[in-house]
């Protein structure tokens, strides 16, 4: 068993994106954004699962915008273009899973 820390750093700096864990077929990232910060359109070559731990984040893909919150989980297919905007100070985990 291995425990990884994901400390809150939004008071110290804006927009944090850091790898938390990487295995042969999965990668876990911690992204922290202040309200109004965005990540421009991009894609991943893996299945992506987003878990918001704090805040609200708007994800836009192919003209559709959905809000990810601590009360839901977001899934994206490999190579799906998407961008995001923090509606509040937010902390999320991004799981990239390769088959």
C-alpha atoms as a PDB file:
ATOM      1  CA  UNK A   1       0.000   0.000   0.000  1.00  0.00           C
ATOM      2  CA  UNK A   2       1.211   3.476  -0.826  1.00  0.00           C
ATOM      3  CA  UNK A   3      -0.263   6.760   0.384  1.00  0.00           C
ATOM      4  CA  UNK A   4       0.164   9.939  -1.672  1.00  0.00           C
ATOM      5  CA  UNK A   5      -0.477  13.461  -0.377  1.00  0.00           C
ATOM      6  CA  UNK A   6      -2.395  16.087  -2.362  1.00  0.00           C
ATOM      7  CA  UNK A   7      -2.051  19.259  -0.265  1.00  0.00           C
ATOM      8  CA  UNK A   8      -4.138  22.334  -1.006  1.00  0.00           C
ATOM      9  CA  UNK A   9      -1.857  24.972  -2.538  1.00  0.00           C
ATOM     10  CA  UNK A  10      -4.349  27.498  -3.939  1.00  0.00           C
ATOM     11  CA  UNK A  11      -3.515  30.063  -1.258  1.00  0.00           C
ATOM     12  CA  UNK A  12       0.146  29.943  -2.316  1.00  0.00           C
ATOM     13  CA  UNK A  13      -0.174  29.873  -6.095  1.00  0.00           C
ATOM     14  CA  UNK A  14      -2.685  29.736  -8.889  1.00  0.00           C
ATOM     15  CA  UNK A  15      -3.383  26.726 -11.085  1.00  0.00           C
ATOM     16  CA  UNK A  16      -1.666  23.583  -9.918  1.00  0.00           C
ATOM     17  CA  UNK A  17      -1.435  20.424 -12.002  1.00  0.00           C
ATOM     18  CA  UNK A  18       0.691  17.616 -10.636  1.00  0.00           C
ATOM     19  CA  UNK A  19       1.041  13.885 -11.121  1.00  0.00           C
ATOM     20  CA  UNK A  20       0.055  11.984  -7.984  1.00  0.00           C
ATOM     21  CA  UNK A  21       0.634   8.420  -9.114  1.00  0.00           C
ATOM     22  CA  UNK A  22       1.572   6.578 -12.290  1.00  0.00           C
ATOM     23  CA  UNK A  23       1.406   2.859 -13.080  1.00  0.00           C
ATOM     24  CA  UNK A  24       1.787   0.848 -16.279  1.00  0.00           C
ATOM     25  CA  UNK A  25      -1.814   1.536 -17.365  1.00  0.00           C
ATOM     26  CA  UNK A  26      -3.033   4.461 -15.233  1.00  0.00           C
ATOM     27  CA  UNK A  27      -2.105   7.973 -14.238  1.00  0.00           C
ATOM     28  CA  UNK A  28      -3.652  10.073 -11.468  1.00  0.00           C
ATOM     29  CA  UNK A  29      -3.350  13.864 -11.581  1.00  0.00           C
ATOM     30  CA  UNK A  30      -4.365  16.475  -9.016  1.00  0.00           C
ATOM     31  CA  UNK A  31      -5.558  19.749 -10.527  1.00  0.00           C
ATOM     32  CA  UNK A  32      -6.324  22.777  -8.374  1.00  0.00           C
ATOM     33  CA  UNK A  33      -7.812  25.905  -9.948  1.00  0.00           C
ATOM     34  CA  UNK A  34      -8.934  29.234  -8.575  1.00  0.00           C
ATOM     35  CA  UNK A  35     -12.336  30.572  -9.598  1.00  0.00           C
ATOM     36  CA  UNK A  36     -12.178  31.781 -13.206  1.00  0.00           C
ATOM     37  CA  UNK A  37      -9.023  29.864 -14.124  1.00  0.00           C
ATOM     38  CA  UNK A  38      -9.233  27.714 -17.229  1.00  0.00           C
ATOM     39  CA  UNK A  39      -7.381  24.941 -18.986  1.00  0.00           C
ATOM     40  CA  UNK A  40      -7.536  25.264 -22.785  1.00  0.00           C
ATOM     41  CA  UNK A  41      -8.830  22.553 -25.088  1.00  0.00           C
ATOM     42  CA  UNK A  42      -6.805  19.349 -25.059  1.00  0.00           C
ATOM     43  CA  UNK A  43      -7.295  15.565 -25.087  1.00  0.00           C
ATOM     44  CA  UNK A  44      -5.834  12.430 -23.548  1.00  0.00           C
ATOM     45  CA  UNK A  45      -5.072   9.147 -25.289  1.00  0.00           C
ATOM     46  CA  UNK A  46      -6.777   7.238 -22.456  1.00  0.00           C
ATOM     47  CA  UNK A  47     -10.153   6.869 -20.758  1.00  0.00           C
ATOM     48  CA  UNK A  48     -10.535   9.788 -18.349  1.00  0.00           C
ATOM     49  CA  UNK A  49     -12.505   9.860 -15.109  1.00  0.00           C
ATOM     50  CA  UNK A  50     -12.846  13.159 -13.229  1.00  0.00           C
ATOM     51  CA  UNK A  51     -13.662  13.325  -9.515  1.00  0.00           C
ATOM     52  CA  UNK A  52     -14.154  16.820  -8.098  1.00  0.00           C
ATOM     53  CA  UNK A  53     -13.223  16.914  -4.434  1.00  0.00           C
ATOM     54  CA  UNK A  54     -14.081  20.585  -3.911  1.00  0.00           C
ATOM     55  CA  UNK A  55     -15.754  23.292  -5.982  1.00  0.00           C
ATOM     56  CA  UNK A  56     -17.469  23.297  -9.359  1.00  0.00           C
ATOM     57  CA  UNK A  57     -15.784  22.926 -12.748  1.00  0.00           C
ATOM     58  CA  UNK A  58     -17.400  23.409 -16.152  1.00  0.00           C
ATOM     59  CA  UNK A  59     -16.171  20.953 -18.791  1.00  0.00           C
ATOM     60  CA  UNK A  60     -16.923  21.701 -22.441  1.00  0.00           C
ATOM     61  CA  UNK A  61     -16.619  19.025 -25.117  1.00  0.00           C
ATOM     62  CA  UNK A  62     -17.964  19.210 -28.666  1.00  0.00           C
ATOM     63  CA  UNK A  63     -20.127  22.233 -27.822  1.00  0.00           C
ATOM     64  CA  UNK A  64     -21.706  20.639 -24.744  1.00  0.00           C
ATOM     65  CA  UNK A  65     -20.939  22.010 -21.277  1.00  0.00           C
ATOM     66  CA  UNK A  66     -21.491  19.985 -18.114  1.00  0.00           C
ATOM     67  CA  UNK A  67     -20.705  20.915 -14.541  1.00  0.00           C
ATOM     68  CA  UNK A  68     -18.628  18.537 -12.454  1.00  0.00           C
ATOM     69  CA  UNK A  69     -19.112  18.774  -8.676  1.00  0.00           C
ATOM     70  CA  UNK A  70     -18.353  16.615  -5.633  1.00  0.00           C
ATOM     71  CA  UNK A  71     -21.782  15.043  -6.211  1.00  0.00           C
ATOM     72  CA  UNK A  72     -21.015  13.507  -9.617  1.00  0.00           C
ATOM     73  CA  UNK A  73     -18.310  11.794 -11.651  1.00  0.00           C
ATOM     74  CA  UNK A  74     -17.395  12.711 -15.219  1.00  0.00           C
ATOM     75  CA  UNK A  75     -16.175  10.215 -17.841  1.00  0.00           C
ATOM     76  CA  UNK A  76     -14.535  11.018 -21.185  1.00  0.00           C
ATOM     77  CA  UNK A  77     -13.529   8.710 -24.013  1.00  0.00           C
ATOM     78  CA  UNK A  78      -9.959   8.565 -25.330  1.00  0.00           C
ATOM     79  CA  UNK A  79      -9.058  11.462 -27.662  1.00  0.00           C
ATOM     80  CA  UNK A  80     -12.181  13.462 -26.651  1.00  0.00           C
ATOM     81  CA  UNK A  81     -11.307  17.160 -26.905  1.00  0.00           C
ATOM     82  CA  UNK A  82     -12.332  19.138 -23.840  1.00  0.00           C
ATOM     83  CA  UNK A  83     -11.616  22.324 -21.942  1.00  0.00           C
ATOM     84  CA  UNK A  84     -12.436  23.368 -18.408  1.00  0.00           C
ATOM     85  CA  UNK A  85     -13.267  26.457 -16.388  1.00  0.00           C
ATOM     86  CA  UNK A  86     -13.396  26.685 -12.592  1.00  0.00           C
ATOM     87  CA  UNK A  87     -16.735  28.153 -11.476  1.00  0.00           C
ATOM     88  CA  UNK A  88     -15.370  28.147  -7.898  1.00  0.00           C
ATOM     89  CA  UNK A  89     -12.004  27.435  -6.307  1.00  0.00           C
ATOM     90  CA  UNK A  90     -11.711  23.749  -7.183  1.00  0.00           C
ATOM     91  CA  UNK A  91      -9.691  20.636  -6.421  1.00  0.00           C
ATOM     92  CA  UNK A  92     -10.074  17.593  -8.651  1.00  0.00           C
ATOM     93  CA  UNK A  93      -8.534  14.223  -9.324  1.00  0.00           C
ATOM     94  CA  UNK A  94      -8.090  13.117 -12.929  1.00  0.00           C
ATOM     95  CA  UNK A  95      -7.707   9.393 -13.601  1.00  0.00           C
ATOM     96  CA  UNK A  96      -6.306   8.451 -17.030  1.00  0.00           C
ATOM     97  CA  UNK A  97      -6.770   4.736 -17.665  1.00  0.00           C
ATOM     98  CA  UNK A  98      -5.342   2.881 -20.670  1.00  0.00           C
ATOM     99  CA  UNK A  99      -6.782  -0.458 -21.733  1.00  0.00           C
END
